[in-house]
């Protein structure tokens, strides 16, 4: 024990942290983590090889996701604009050009038309 201000073994043991007991459950969890790490590393290696061999597929996939993000941005901007218009109509109160049964109210405050199977 490396305690400079301790004179006896008993005093050193009182200051030292208790020993860690490694159980069978700890060993099982560690083996499971190591196995998952090996699988993840193998996946990363396989993806690197795939990207190297099929660079055109990677470019096509990147284009697809860029297009999806651009389409989503347009839909969200449209949704925001319609909501701002509806909120402006609310602020106008009785002077609003929309009546209570106007479908634009529902259209401005629902997002069901934006949640599709494609978007998840």
PDB file of N, CA and C in Angstrom:
ATOM      1  N   UNK A   1       0.841  -1.161   0.000  1.00  0.00           N
ATOM      2  CA  UNK A   1       0.000   0.000   0.000  1.00  0.00           C
ATOM      3  C   UNK A   1       0.895   1.236   0.000  1.00  0.00           C
ATOM      4  N   UNK A   2       0.506   2.229  -0.770  1.00  0.00           N
ATOM      5  CA  UNK A   2       1.313   3.433  -0.919  1.00  0.00           C
ATOM      6  C   UNK A   2       0.666   4.627  -0.234  1.00  0.00           C
ATOM      7  N   UNK A   3       0.469   4.521   1.069  1.00  0.00           N
ATOM      8  CA  UNK A   3      -0.043   5.633   1.850  1.00  0.00           C
ATOM      9  C   UNK A   3       1.079   6.118   2.733  1.00  0.00           C
ATOM     10  N   UNK A   4       1.536   7.345   2.534  1.00  0.00           N
ATOM     11  CA  UNK A   4       2.685   7.842   3.290  1.00  0.00           C
ATOM     12  C   UNK A   4       2.331   8.204   4.727  1.00  0.00           C
ATOM     13  N   UNK A   5       1.066   8.492   5.005  1.00  0.00           N
ATOM     14  CA  UNK A   5       0.692   8.903   6.350  1.00  0.00           C
ATOM     15  C   UNK A   5       0.054   7.771   7.165  1.00  0.00           C
ATOM     16  N   UNK A   6       0.221   6.553   6.706  1.00  0.00           N
ATOM     17  CA  UNK A   6      -0.358   5.397   7.390  1.00  0.00           C
ATOM     18  C   UNK A   6       0.774   4.531   7.927  1.00  0.00           C
ATOM     19  N   UNK A   7       0.620   4.089   9.192  1.00  0.00           N
ATOM     20  CA  UNK A   7       1.698   3.337   9.822  1.00  0.00           C
ATOM     21  C   UNK A   7       1.405   1.852   9.903  1.00  0.00           C
ATOM     22  N   UNK A   8       0.148   1.476   9.820  1.00  0.00           N
ATOM     23  CA  UNK A   8      -0.155   0.043   9.947  1.00  0.00           C
ATOM     24  C   UNK A   8      -0.936  -0.432   8.724  1.00  0.00           C
ATOM     25  N   UNK A   9      -0.914  -1.728   8.550  1.00  0.00           N
ATOM     26  CA  UNK A   9      -1.639  -2.362   7.451  1.00  0.00           C
ATOM     27  C   UNK A   9      -3.147  -2.159   7.607  1.00  0.00           C
ATOM     28  N   UNK A  10      -3.636  -2.207   8.815  1.00  0.00           N
ATOM     29  CA  UNK A  10      -5.066  -2.040   9.084  1.00  0.00           C
ATOM     30  C   UNK A  10      -5.536  -0.635   8.699  1.00  0.00           C
ATOM     31  N   UNK A  11      -4.720   0.365   9.003  1.00  0.00           N
ATOM     32  CA  UNK A  11      -5.073   1.735   8.634  1.00  0.00           C
ATOM     33  C   UNK A  11      -5.122   1.893   7.107  1.00  0.00           C
ATOM     34  N   UNK A  12      -4.197   1.264   6.425  1.00  0.00           N
ATOM     35  CA  UNK A  12      -4.169   1.337   4.963  1.00  0.00           C
ATOM     36  C   UNK A  12      -5.405   0.670   4.368  1.00  0.00           C
ATOM     37  N   UNK A  13      -5.829  -0.457   4.917  1.00  0.00           N
ATOM     38  CA  UNK A  13      -7.019  -1.143   4.416  1.00  0.00           C
ATOM     39  C   UNK A  13      -8.279  -0.320   4.654  1.00  0.00           C
ATOM     40  N   UNK A  14      -8.302   0.440   5.739  1.00  0.00           N
ATOM     41  CA  UNK A  14      -9.458   1.295   5.997  1.00  0.00           C
ATOM     42  C   UNK A  14      -9.573   2.409   4.964  1.00  0.00           C
ATOM     43  N   UNK A  15      -8.430   2.900   4.495  1.00  0.00           N
ATOM     44  CA  UNK A  15      -8.431   3.982   3.513  1.00  0.00           C
ATOM     45  C   UNK A  15      -8.613   3.497   2.070  1.00  0.00           C
ATOM     46  N   UNK A  16      -8.233   2.274   1.785  1.00  0.00           N
ATOM     47  CA  UNK A  16      -8.304   1.743   0.427  1.00  0.00           C
ATOM     48  C   UNK A  16      -9.755   1.429   0.055  1.00  0.00           C
ATOM     49  N   UNK A  17     -10.112   1.583  -1.230  1.00  0.00           N
ATOM     50  CA  UNK A  17     -11.466   1.221  -1.645  1.00  0.00           C
ATOM     51  C   UNK A  17     -11.659  -0.294  -1.541  1.00  0.00           C
ATOM     52  N   UNK A  18     -12.883  -0.721  -1.347  1.00  0.00           N
ATOM     53  CA  UNK A  18     -13.114  -2.157  -1.240  1.00  0.00           C
ATOM     54  C   UNK A  18     -12.799  -2.844  -2.570  1.00  0.00           C
ATOM     55  N   UNK A  19     -12.376  -4.091  -2.506  1.00  0.00           N
ATOM     56  CA  UNK A  19     -12.046  -4.804  -3.748  1.00  0.00           C
ATOM     57  C   UNK A  19     -13.306  -5.036  -4.583  1.00  0.00           C
ATOM     58  N   UNK A  20     -13.142  -5.000  -5.884  1.00  0.00           N
ATOM     59  CA  UNK A  20     -14.262  -5.237  -6.805  1.00  0.00           C
ATOM     60  C   UNK A  20     -14.456  -6.729  -6.960  1.00  0.00           C
ATOM     61  N   UNK A  21     -15.662  -7.168  -6.724  1.00  0.00           N
ATOM     62  CA  UNK A  21     -15.979  -8.579  -6.917  1.00  0.00           C
ATOM     63  C   UNK A  21     -16.474  -8.766  -8.343  1.00  0.00           C
ATOM     64  N   UNK A  22     -15.808  -9.619  -9.078  1.00  0.00           N
ATOM     65  CA  UNK A  22     -16.202  -9.893 -10.453  1.00  0.00           C
ATOM     66  C   UNK A  22     -17.020 -11.169 -10.444  1.00  0.00           C
ATOM     67  N   UNK A  23     -18.260 -11.029 -10.836  1.00  0.00           N
ATOM     68  CA  UNK A  23     -19.180 -12.168 -10.801  1.00  0.00           C
ATOM     69  C   UNK A  23     -19.297 -12.791 -12.193  1.00  0.00           C
ATOM     70  N   UNK A  24     -19.961 -13.931 -12.234  1.00  0.00           N
ATOM     71  CA  UNK A  24     -20.215 -14.577 -13.518  1.00  0.00           C
ATOM     72  C   UNK A  24     -21.065 -13.683 -14.412  1.00  0.00           C
ATOM     73  N   UNK A  25     -21.973 -12.933 -13.808  1.00  0.00           N
ATOM     74  CA  UNK A  25     -22.812 -12.012 -14.569  1.00  0.00           C
ATOM     75  C   UNK A  25     -21.946 -10.920 -15.213  1.00  0.00           C
ATOM     76  N   UNK A  26     -20.959 -10.400 -14.474  1.00  0.00           N
ATOM     77  CA  UNK A  26     -20.044  -9.399 -15.036  1.00  0.00           C
ATOM     78  C   UNK A  26     -19.278  -9.965 -16.228  1.00  0.00           C
ATOM     79  N   UNK A  27     -18.803 -11.185 -16.082  1.00  0.00           N
ATOM     80  CA  UNK A  27     -18.060 -11.821 -17.182  1.00  0.00           C
ATOM     81  C   UNK A  27     -18.962 -12.024 -18.402  1.00  0.00           C
ATOM     82  N   UNK A  28     -20.209 -12.437 -18.182  1.00  0.00           N
ATOM     83  CA  UNK A  28     -21.158 -12.647 -19.275  1.00  0.00           C
ATOM     84  C   UNK A  28     -21.430 -11.330 -20.004  1.00  0.00           C
ATOM     85  N   UNK A  29     -21.646 -10.258 -19.247  1.00  0.00           N
ATOM     86  CA  UNK A  29     -21.894  -8.959 -19.857  1.00  0.00           C
ATOM     87  C   UNK A  29     -20.685  -8.483 -20.661  1.00  0.00           C
ATOM     88  N   UNK A  30     -19.491  -8.709 -20.132  1.00  0.00           N
ATOM     89  CA  UNK A  30     -18.277  -8.302 -20.838  1.00  0.00           C
ATOM     90  C   UNK A  30     -18.110  -9.073 -22.143  1.00  0.00           C
ATOM     91  N   UNK A  31     -18.363 -10.387 -22.115  1.00  0.00           N
ATOM     92  CA  UNK A  31     -18.280 -11.184 -23.341  1.00  0.00           C
ATOM     93  C   UNK A  31     -19.298 -10.701 -24.363  1.00  0.00           C
ATOM     94  N   UNK A  32     -20.492 -10.347 -23.896  1.00  0.00           N
ATOM     95  CA  UNK A  32     -21.541  -9.855 -24.792  1.00  0.00           C
ATOM     96  C   UNK A  32     -21.119  -8.524 -25.423  1.00  0.00           C
ATOM     97  N   UNK A  33     -20.553  -7.634 -24.629  1.00  0.00           N
ATOM     98  CA  UNK A  33     -20.085  -6.346 -25.162  1.00  0.00           C
ATOM     99  C   UNK A  33     -18.973  -6.551 -26.195  1.00  0.00           C
ATOM    100  N   UNK A  34     -18.036  -7.447 -25.879  1.00  0.00           N
ATOM    101  CA  UNK A  34     -16.942  -7.710 -26.807  1.00  0.00           C
ATOM    102  C   UNK A  34     -17.464  -8.294 -28.115  1.00  0.00           C
ATOM    103  N   UNK A  35     -18.451  -9.178 -28.021  1.00  0.00           N
ATOM    104  CA  UNK A  35     -19.038  -9.766 -29.213  1.00  0.00           C
ATOM    105  C   UNK A  35     -19.713  -8.698 -30.067  1.00  0.00           C
ATOM    106  N   UNK A  36     -20.459  -7.817 -29.431  1.00  0.00           N
ATOM    107  CA  UNK A  36     -21.116  -6.743 -30.170  1.00  0.00           C
ATOM    108  C   UNK A  36     -20.099  -5.814 -30.817  1.00  0.00           C
ATOM    109  N   UNK A  37     -18.998  -5.552 -30.124  1.00  0.00           N
ATOM    110  CA  UNK A  37     -17.960  -4.703 -30.682  1.00  0.00           C
ATOM    111  C   UNK A  37     -17.342  -5.346 -31.921  1.00  0.00           C
ATOM    112  N   UNK A  38     -17.079  -6.646 -31.863  1.00  0.00           N
ATOM    113  CA  UNK A  38     -16.518  -7.343 -33.022  1.00  0.00           C
ATOM    114  C   UNK A  38     -17.480  -7.291 -34.206  1.00  0.00           C
ATOM    115  N   UNK A  39     -18.770  -7.448 -33.950  1.00  0.00           N
ATOM    116  CA  UNK A  39     -19.768  -7.388 -35.019  1.00  0.00           C
ATOM    117  C   UNK A  39     -19.803  -5.990 -35.628  1.00  0.00           C
ATOM    118  N   UNK A  40     -19.776  -4.973 -34.783  1.00  0.00           N
ATOM    119  CA  UNK A  40     -19.800  -3.587 -35.277  1.00  0.00           C
ATOM    120  C   UNK A  40     -18.565  -3.286 -36.111  1.00  0.00           C
ATOM    121  N   UNK A  41     -17.407  -3.749 -35.663  1.00  0.00           N
ATOM    122  CA  UNK A  41     -16.184  -3.521 -36.425  1.00  0.00           C
ATOM    123  C   UNK A  41     -16.235  -4.238 -37.767  1.00  0.00           C
ATOM    124  N   UNK A  42     -16.780  -5.466 -37.788  1.00  0.00           N
ATOM    125  CA  UNK A  42     -16.912  -6.196 -39.047  1.00  0.00           C
ATOM    126  C   UNK A  42     -17.871  -5.469 -39.994  1.00  0.00           C
ATOM    127  N   UNK A  43     -18.946  -4.926 -39.460  1.00  0.00           N
ATOM    128  CA  UNK A  43     -19.896  -4.160 -40.273  1.00  0.00           C
ATOM    129  C   UNK A  43     -19.239  -2.923 -40.869  1.00  0.00           C
ATOM    130  N   UNK A  44     -18.468  -2.211 -40.058  1.00  0.00           N
ATOM    131  CA  UNK A  44     -17.781  -1.018 -40.555  1.00  0.00           C
ATOM    132  C   UNK A  44     -16.805  -1.376 -41.666  1.00  0.00           C
ATOM    133  N   UNK A  45     -16.102  -2.476 -41.497  1.00  0.00           N
ATOM    134  CA  UNK A  45     -15.152  -2.916 -42.521  1.00  0.00           C
ATOM    135  C   UNK A  45     -15.902  -3.283 -43.807  1.00  0.00           C
ATOM    136  N   UNK A  46     -17.005  -4.010 -43.675  1.00  0.00           N
ATOM    137  CA  UNK A  46     -17.789  -4.407 -44.845  1.00  0.00           C
ATOM    138  C   UNK A  46     -18.334  -3.176 -45.573  1.00  0.00           C
ATOM    139  N   UNK A  47     -18.786  -2.178 -44.825  1.00  0.00           N
ATOM    140  CA  UNK A  47     -19.296  -0.955 -45.448  1.00  0.00           C
ATOM    141  C   UNK A  47     -18.173  -0.196 -46.157  1.00  0.00           C
ATOM    142  N   UNK A  48     -16.994  -0.179 -45.580  1.00  0.00           N
ATOM    143  CA  UNK A  48     -15.865   0.501 -46.227  1.00  0.00           C
ATOM    144  C   UNK A  48     -15.515  -0.186 -47.547  1.00  0.00           C
ATOM    145  N   UNK A  49     -15.516  -1.517 -47.543  1.00  0.00           N
ATOM    146  CA  UNK A  49     -15.233  -2.260 -48.775  1.00  0.00           C
ATOM    147  C   UNK A  49     -16.322  -1.992 -49.805  1.00  0.00           C
ATOM    148  N   UNK A  50     -17.586  -2.002 -49.354  1.00  0.00           N
ATOM    149  CA  UNK A  50     -18.692  -1.752 -50.269  1.00  0.00           C
ATOM    150  C   UNK A  50     -18.594  -0.356 -50.895  1.00  0.00           C
ATOM    151  N   UNK A  51     -18.307   0.658 -50.062  1.00  0.00           N
ATOM    152  CA  UNK A  51     -18.175   2.025 -50.581  1.00  0.00           C
ATOM    153  C   UNK A  51     -17.046   2.127 -51.601  1.00  0.00           C
ATOM    154  N   UNK A  52     -15.984   1.372 -51.361  1.00  0.00           N
ATOM    155  CA  UNK A  52     -14.846   1.405 -52.275  1.00  0.00           C
ATOM    156  C   UNK A  52     -15.186   0.745 -53.609  1.00  0.00           C
ATOM    157  N   UNK A  53     -15.880  -0.378 -53.563  1.00  0.00           N
ATOM    158  CA  UNK A  53     -16.191  -1.132 -54.774  1.00  0.00           C
ATOM    159  C   UNK A  53     -17.357  -0.544 -55.564  1.00  0.00           C
ATOM    160  N   UNK A  54     -18.328   0.045 -54.869  1.00  0.00           N
ATOM    161  CA  UNK A  54     -19.540   0.514 -55.526  1.00  0.00           C
ATOM    162  C   UNK A  54     -19.737   2.007 -55.264  1.00  0.00           C
ATOM    163  N   UNK A  55     -18.793   2.786 -55.728  1.00  0.00           N
ATOM    164  CA  UNK A  55     -18.840   4.231 -55.471  1.00  0.00           C
ATOM    165  C   UNK A  55     -20.040   4.888 -56.156  1.00  0.00           C
ATOM    166  N   UNK A  56     -20.483   4.354 -57.297  1.00  0.00           N
ATOM    167  CA  UNK A  56     -21.651   4.914 -57.976  1.00  0.00           C
ATOM    168  C   UNK A  56     -22.906   4.723 -57.122  1.00  0.00           C
ATOM    169  N   UNK A  57     -23.039   3.581 -56.456  1.00  0.00           N
ATOM    170  CA  UNK A  57     -24.184   3.357 -55.564  1.00  0.00           C
ATOM    171  C   UNK A  57     -24.176   4.361 -54.413  1.00  0.00           C
ATOM    172  N   UNK A  58     -22.999   4.647 -53.902  1.00  0.00           N
ATOM    173  CA  UNK A  58     -22.881   5.614 -52.810  1.00  0.00           C
ATOM    174  C   UNK A  58     -23.312   6.995 -53.289  1.00  0.00           C
ATOM    175  N   UNK A  59     -22.868   7.387 -54.478  1.00  0.00           N
ATOM    176  CA  UNK A  59     -23.243   8.689 -55.025  1.00  0.00           C
ATOM    177  C   UNK A  59     -24.748   8.759 -55.259  1.00  0.00           C
ATOM    178  N   UNK A  60     -25.331   7.685 -55.780  1.00  0.00           N
ATOM    179  CA  UNK A  60     -26.778   7.644 -56.021  1.00  0.00           C
ATOM    180  C   UNK A  60     -27.545   7.757 -54.711  1.00  0.00           C
ATOM    181  N   UNK A  61     -27.084   7.055 -53.703  1.00  0.00           N
ATOM    182  CA  UNK A  61     -27.747   7.114 -52.400  1.00  0.00           C
ATOM    183  C   UNK A  61     -27.645   8.520 -51.799  1.00  0.00           C
ATOM    184  N   UNK A  62     -26.490   9.127 -51.907  1.00  0.00           N
ATOM    185  CA  UNK A  62     -26.329  10.494 -51.393  1.00  0.00           C
ATOM    186  C   UNK A  62     -27.244  11.470 -52.120  1.00  0.00           C
ATOM    187  N   UNK A  63     -27.376  11.308 -53.439  1.00  0.00           N
ATOM    188  CA  UNK A  63     -28.297  12.155 -54.200  1.00  0.00           C
ATOM    189  C   UNK A  63     -29.732  11.965 -53.723  1.00  0.00           C
ATOM    190  N   UNK A  64     -30.116  10.710 -53.520  1.00  0.00           N
ATOM    191  CA  UNK A  64     -31.467  10.405 -53.066  1.00  0.00           C
ATOM    192  C   UNK A  64     -31.769  11.109 -51.744  1.00  0.00           C
ATOM    193  N   UNK A  65     -30.843  10.985 -50.783  1.00  0.00           N
ATOM    194  CA  UNK A  65     -31.097  11.586 -49.470  1.00  0.00           C
ATOM    195  C   UNK A  65     -31.054  13.109 -49.533  1.00  0.00           C
ATOM    196  N   UNK A  66     -30.225  13.677 -50.379  1.00  0.00           N
ATOM    197  CA  UNK A  66     -30.202  15.132 -50.537  1.00  0.00           C
ATOM    198  C   UNK A  66     -31.530  15.612 -51.116  1.00  0.00           C
ATOM    199  N   UNK A  67     -32.063  14.869 -52.087  1.00  0.00           N
ATOM    200  CA  UNK A  67     -33.350  15.220 -52.674  1.00  0.00           C
ATOM    201  C   UNK A  67     -34.463  15.105 -51.630  1.00  0.00           C
ATOM    202  N   UNK A  68     -34.439  14.037 -50.831  1.00  0.00           N
ATOM    203  CA  UNK A  68     -35.456  13.867 -49.785  1.00  0.00           C
ATOM    204  C   UNK A  68     -35.414  15.006 -48.783  1.00  0.00           C
ATOM    205  N   UNK A  69     -34.214  15.411 -48.384  1.00  0.00           N
ATOM    206  CA  UNK A  69     -34.084  16.506 -47.424  1.00  0.00           C
ATOM    207  C   UNK A  69     -34.585  17.816 -48.028  1.00  0.00           C
ATOM    208  N   UNK A  70     -34.298  18.053 -49.307  1.00  0.00           N
ATOM    209  CA  UNK A  70     -34.767  19.269 -49.969  1.00  0.00           C
ATOM    210  C   UNK A  70     -36.295  19.276 -50.056  1.00  0.00           C
ATOM    211  N   UNK A  71     -36.891  18.134 -50.409  1.00  0.00           N
ATOM    212  CA  UNK A  71     -38.352  18.042 -50.477  1.00  0.00           C
ATOM    213  C   UNK A  71     -38.969  18.278 -49.104  1.00  0.00           C
ATOM    214  N   UNK A  72     -38.353  17.720 -48.094  1.00  0.00           N
ATOM    215  CA  UNK A  72     -38.860  17.894 -46.732  1.00  0.00           C
ATOM    216  C   UNK A  72     -38.771  19.361 -46.312  1.00  0.00           C
ATOM    217  N   UNK A  73     -37.689  20.014 -46.667  1.00  0.00           N
ATOM    218  CA  UNK A  73     -37.530  21.435 -46.323  1.00  0.00           C
ATOM    219  C   UNK A  73     -38.610  22.274 -46.998  1.00  0.00           C
ATOM    220  N   UNK A  74     -38.934  21.955 -48.258  1.00  0.00           N
ATOM    221  CA  UNK A  74     -39.987  22.682 -48.970  1.00  0.00           C
ATOM    222  C   UNK A  74     -41.331  22.456 -48.285  1.00  0.00           C
ATOM    223  N   UNK A  75     -41.632  21.190 -47.931  1.00  0.00           N
ATOM    224  CA  UNK A  75     -42.905  20.897 -47.261  1.00  0.00           C
ATOM    225  C   UNK A  75     -43.010  21.619 -45.924  1.00  0.00           C
ATOM    226  N   UNK A  76     -41.917  21.629 -45.175  1.00  0.00           N
ATOM    227  CA  UNK A  76     -41.943  22.291 -43.869  1.00  0.00           C
ATOM    228  C   UNK A  76     -42.093  23.805 -44.015  1.00  0.00           C
ATOM    229  N   UNK A  77     -41.441  24.386 -45.009  1.00  0.00           N
ATOM    230  CA  UNK A  77     -41.578  25.827 -45.239  1.00  0.00           C
ATOM    231  C   UNK A  77     -43.015  26.169 -45.626  1.00  0.00           C
ATOM    232  N   UNK A  78     -43.627  25.338 -46.465  1.00  0.00           N
ATOM    233  CA  UNK A  78     -45.018  25.550 -46.849  1.00  0.00           C
ATOM    234  C   UNK A  78     -45.924  25.453 -45.633  1.00  0.00           C
ATOM    235  N   UNK A  79     -45.677  24.465 -44.807  1.00  0.00           N
ATOM    236  CA  UNK A  79     -46.475  24.277 -43.590  1.00  0.00           C
ATOM    237  C   UNK A  79     -46.343  25.496 -42.676  1.00  0.00           C
ATOM    238  N   UNK A  80     -45.117  25.979 -42.496  1.00  0.00           N
ATOM    239  CA  UNK A  80     -44.901  27.157 -41.656  1.00  0.00           C
ATOM    240  C   UNK A  80     -45.625  28.379 -42.212  1.00  0.00           C
ATOM    241  N   UNK A  81     -45.576  28.555 -43.525  1.00  0.00           N
ATOM    242  CA  UNK A  81     -46.234  29.707 -44.146  1.00  0.00           C
ATOM    243  C   UNK A  81     -47.750  29.641 -43.946  1.00  0.00           C
ATOM    244  N   UNK A  82     -48.320  28.448 -44.123  1.00  0.00           N
ATOM    245  CA  UNK A  82     -49.761  28.307 -43.940  1.00  0.00           C
ATOM    246  C   UNK A  82     -50.157  28.526 -42.486  1.00  0.00           C
ATOM    247  N   UNK A  83     -49.312  28.071 -41.571  1.00  0.00           N
ATOM    248  CA  UNK A  83     -49.616  28.271 -40.150  1.00  0.00           C
ATOM    249  C   UNK A  83     -49.525  29.750 -39.788  1.00  0.00           C
ATOM    250  N   UNK A  84     -48.514  30.442 -40.305  1.00  0.00           N
ATOM    251  CA  UNK A  84     -48.389  31.879 -40.041  1.00  0.00           C
ATOM    252  C   UNK A  84     -49.600  32.644 -40.571  1.00  0.00           C
ATOM    253  N   UNK A  85     -50.077  32.241 -41.749  1.00  0.00           N
ATOM    254  CA  UNK A  85     -51.265  32.871 -42.313  1.00  0.00           C
ATOM    255  C   UNK A  85     -52.476  32.647 -41.408  1.00  0.00           C
ATOM    256  N   UNK A  86     -52.630  31.415 -40.920  1.00  0.00           N
ATOM    257  CA  UNK A  86     -53.755  31.113 -40.035  1.00  0.00           C
ATOM    258  C   UNK A  86     -53.646  31.891 -38.729  1.00  0.00           C
ATOM    259  N   UNK A  87     -52.435  31.980 -38.169  1.00  0.00           N
ATOM    260  CA  UNK A  87     -52.261  32.737 -36.928  1.00  0.00           C
ATOM    261  C   UNK A  87     -52.544  34.225 -37.144  1.00  0.00           C
ATOM    262  N   UNK A  88     -52.200  34.749 -38.320  1.00  0.00           N
ATOM    263  CA  UNK A  88     -52.512  36.146 -38.635  1.00  0.00           C
ATOM    264  C   UNK A  88     -54.022  36.333 -38.712  1.00  0.00           C
ATOM    265  N   UNK A  89     -54.713  35.347 -39.253  1.00  0.00           N
ATOM    266  CA  UNK A  89     -56.177  35.417 -39.323  1.00  0.00           C
ATOM    267  C   UNK A  89     -56.783  35.370 -37.916  1.00  0.00           C
ATOM    268  N   UNK A  90     -56.188  34.588 -37.025  1.00  0.00           N
ATOM    269  CA  UNK A  90     -56.664  34.535 -35.636  1.00  0.00           C
ATOM    270  C   UNK A  90     -56.474  35.900 -34.984  1.00  0.00           C
ATOM    271  N   UNK A  91     -55.298  36.504 -35.210  1.00  0.00           N
ATOM    272  CA  UNK A  91     -55.010  37.816 -34.611  1.00  0.00           C
ATOM    273  C   UNK A  91     -55.978  38.890 -35.100  1.00  0.00           C
ATOM    274  N   UNK A  92     -56.479  38.720 -36.325  1.00  0.00           N
ATOM    275  CA  UNK A  92     -57.429  39.697 -36.855  1.00  0.00           C
ATOM    276  C   UNK A  92     -58.791  39.619 -36.163  1.00  0.00           C
ATOM    277  N   UNK A  93     -59.081  38.443 -35.603  1.00  0.00           N
ATOM    278  CA  UNK A  93     -60.355  38.262 -34.900  1.00  0.00           C
ATOM    279  C   UNK A  93     -61.532  38.385 -35.844  1.00  0.00           C
ATOM    280  N   UNK A  94     -62.525  39.205 -35.491  1.00  0.00           N
ATOM    281  CA  UNK A  94     -63.725  39.337 -36.331  1.00  0.00           C
ATOM    282  C   UNK A  94     -63.431  39.908 -37.725  1.00  0.00           C
ATOM    283  N   UNK A  95     -62.327  40.590 -37.889  1.00  0.00           N
ATOM    284  CA  UNK A  95     -61.988  41.166 -39.190  1.00  0.00           C
ATOM    285  C   UNK A  95     -61.388  40.135 -40.144  1.00  0.00           C
ATOM    286  N   UNK A  96     -61.252  38.898 -39.674  1.00  0.00           N
ATOM    287  CA  UNK A  96     -60.650  37.849 -40.486  1.00  0.00           C
ATOM    288  C   UNK A  96     -61.482  37.576 -41.734  1.00  0.00           C
ATOM    289  N   UNK A  97     -60.787  37.225 -42.807  1.00  0.00           N
ATOM    290  CA  UNK A  97     -61.492  36.892 -44.049  1.00  0.00           C
ATOM    291  C   UNK A  97     -61.935  35.442 -44.063  1.00  0.00           C
ATOM    292  N   UNK A  98     -61.514  34.654 -43.095  1.00  0.00           N
ATOM    293  CA  UNK A  98     -61.907  33.243 -43.018  1.00  0.00           C
ATOM    294  C   UNK A  98     -63.090  33.125 -42.067  1.00  0.00           C
ATOM    295  N   UNK A  99     -64.083  32.316 -42.446  1.00  0.00           N
ATOM    296  CA  UNK A  99     -65.178  32.071 -41.516  1.00  0.00           C
ATOM    297  C   UNK A  99     -64.853  30.830 -40.682  1.00  0.00           C
ATOM    298  N   UNK A 100     -65.704  30.498 -39.723  1.00  0.00           N
ATOM    299  CA  UNK A 100     -65.433  29.390 -38.799  1.00  0.00           C
ATOM    300  C   UNK A 100     -65.395  28.026 -39.488  1.00  0.00           C
ATOM    301  N   UNK A 101     -66.071  27.882 -40.581  1.00  0.00           N
ATOM    302  CA  UNK A 101     -66.130  26.592 -41.277  1.00  0.00           C
ATOM    303  C   UNK A 101     -65.118  26.478 -42.415  1.00  0.00           C
ATOM    304  N   UNK A 102     -64.270  27.445 -42.535  1.00  0.00           N
ATOM    305  CA  UNK A 102     -63.295  27.458 -43.633  1.00  0.00           C
ATOM    306  C   UNK A 102     -62.308  26.296 -43.465  1.00  0.00           C
ATOM    307  N   UNK A 103     -62.124  25.465 -44.507  1.00  0.00           N
ATOM    308  CA  UNK A 103     -61.192  24.329 -44.407  1.00  0.00           C
ATOM    309  C   UNK A 103     -59.734  24.750 -44.258  1.00  0.00           C
ATOM    310  N   UNK A 104     -59.439  26.009 -44.504  1.00  0.00           N
ATOM    311  CA  UNK A 104     -58.060  26.470 -44.346  1.00  0.00           C
ATOM    312  C   UNK A 104     -57.603  26.418 -42.888  1.00  0.00           C
ATOM    313  N   UNK A 105     -58.555  26.548 -41.947  1.00  0.00           N
ATOM    314  CA  UNK A 105     -58.199  26.438 -40.526  1.00  0.00           C
ATOM    315  C   UNK A 105     -57.629  25.062 -40.230  1.00  0.00           C
ATOM    316  N   UNK A 106     -58.369  24.062 -40.633  1.00  0.00           N
ATOM    317  CA  UNK A 106     -57.932  22.689 -40.374  1.00  0.00           C
ATOM    318  C   UNK A 106     -56.634  22.405 -41.115  1.00  0.00           C
ATOM    319  N   UNK A 107     -56.553  22.857 -42.344  1.00  0.00           N
ATOM    320  CA  UNK A 107     -55.363  22.626 -43.152  1.00  0.00           C
ATOM    321  C   UNK A 107     -54.124  23.254 -42.536  1.00  0.00           C
ATOM    322  N   UNK A 108     -54.281  24.403 -41.911  1.00  0.00           N
ATOM    323  CA  UNK A 108     -53.125  25.115 -41.365  1.00  0.00           C
ATOM    324  C   UNK A 108     -52.608  24.499 -40.079  1.00  0.00           C
ATOM    325  N   UNK A 109     -53.475  23.842 -39.311  1.00  0.00           N
ATOM    326  CA  UNK A 109     -53.065  23.361 -38.005  1.00  0.00           C
ATOM    327  C   UNK A 109     -52.951  21.850 -37.883  1.00  0.00           C
ATOM    328  N   UNK A 110     -53.123  21.120 -38.943  1.00  0.00           N
ATOM    329  CA  UNK A 110     -52.910  19.671 -38.896  1.00  0.00           C
ATOM    330  C   UNK A 110     -51.694  19.325 -39.725  1.00  0.00           C
ATOM    331  N   UNK A 111     -51.044  18.260 -39.356  1.00  0.00           N
ATOM    332  CA  UNK A 111     -49.844  17.858 -40.087  1.00  0.00           C
ATOM    333  C   UNK A 111     -49.992  16.469 -40.668  1.00  0.00           C
ATOM    334  N   UNK A 112     -51.204  15.934 -40.728  1.00  0.00           N
ATOM    335  CA  UNK A 112     -51.386  14.574 -41.214  1.00  0.00           C
ATOM    336  C   UNK A 112     -50.973  14.432 -42.674  1.00  0.00           C
ATOM    337  N   UNK A 113     -51.073  15.509 -43.451  1.00  0.00           N
ATOM    338  CA  UNK A 113     -50.678  15.413 -44.850  1.00  0.00           C
ATOM    339  C   UNK A 113     -49.162  15.374 -45.000  1.00  0.00           C
ATOM    340  N   UNK A 114     -48.417  15.649 -43.933  1.00  0.00           N
ATOM    341  CA  UNK A 114     -46.959  15.606 -43.998  1.00  0.00           C
ATOM    342  C   UNK A 114     -46.374  14.337 -43.419  1.00  0.00           C
ATOM    343  N   UNK A 115     -47.161  13.583 -42.695  1.00  0.00           N
ATOM    344  CA  UNK A 115     -46.681  12.327 -42.140  1.00  0.00           C
ATOM    345  C   UNK A 115     -47.119  11.227 -43.080  1.00  0.00           C
ATOM    346  N   UNK A 116     -46.196  10.757 -43.880  1.00  0.00           N
ATOM    347  CA  UNK A 116     -46.513   9.718 -44.851  1.00  0.00           C
ATOM    348  C   UNK A 116     -45.671   8.483 -44.567  1.00  0.00           C
ATOM    349  N   UNK A 117     -45.965   7.423 -45.267  1.00  0.00           N
ATOM    350  CA  UNK A 117     -45.179   6.204 -45.095  1.00  0.00           C
ATOM    351  C   UNK A 117     -43.738   6.428 -45.501  1.00  0.00           C
ATOM    352  N   UNK A 118     -43.527   7.307 -46.473  1.00  0.00           N
ATOM    353  CA  UNK A 118     -42.168   7.585 -46.932  1.00  0.00           C
ATOM    354  C   UNK A 118     -41.347   8.259 -45.840  1.00  0.00           C
ATOM    355  N   UNK A 119     -41.987   9.169 -45.075  1.00  0.00           N
ATOM    356  CA  UNK A 119     -41.274   9.933 -44.055  1.00  0.00           C
ATOM    357  C   UNK A 119     -41.079   9.148 -42.780  1.00  0.00           C
ATOM    358  N   UNK A 120     -41.907   8.172 -42.542  1.00  0.00           N
ATOM    359  CA  UNK A 120     -41.781   7.383 -41.316  1.00  0.00           C
ATOM    360  C   UNK A 120     -42.534   7.948 -40.224  1.00  0.00           C
TER     361      UNK A 120
END
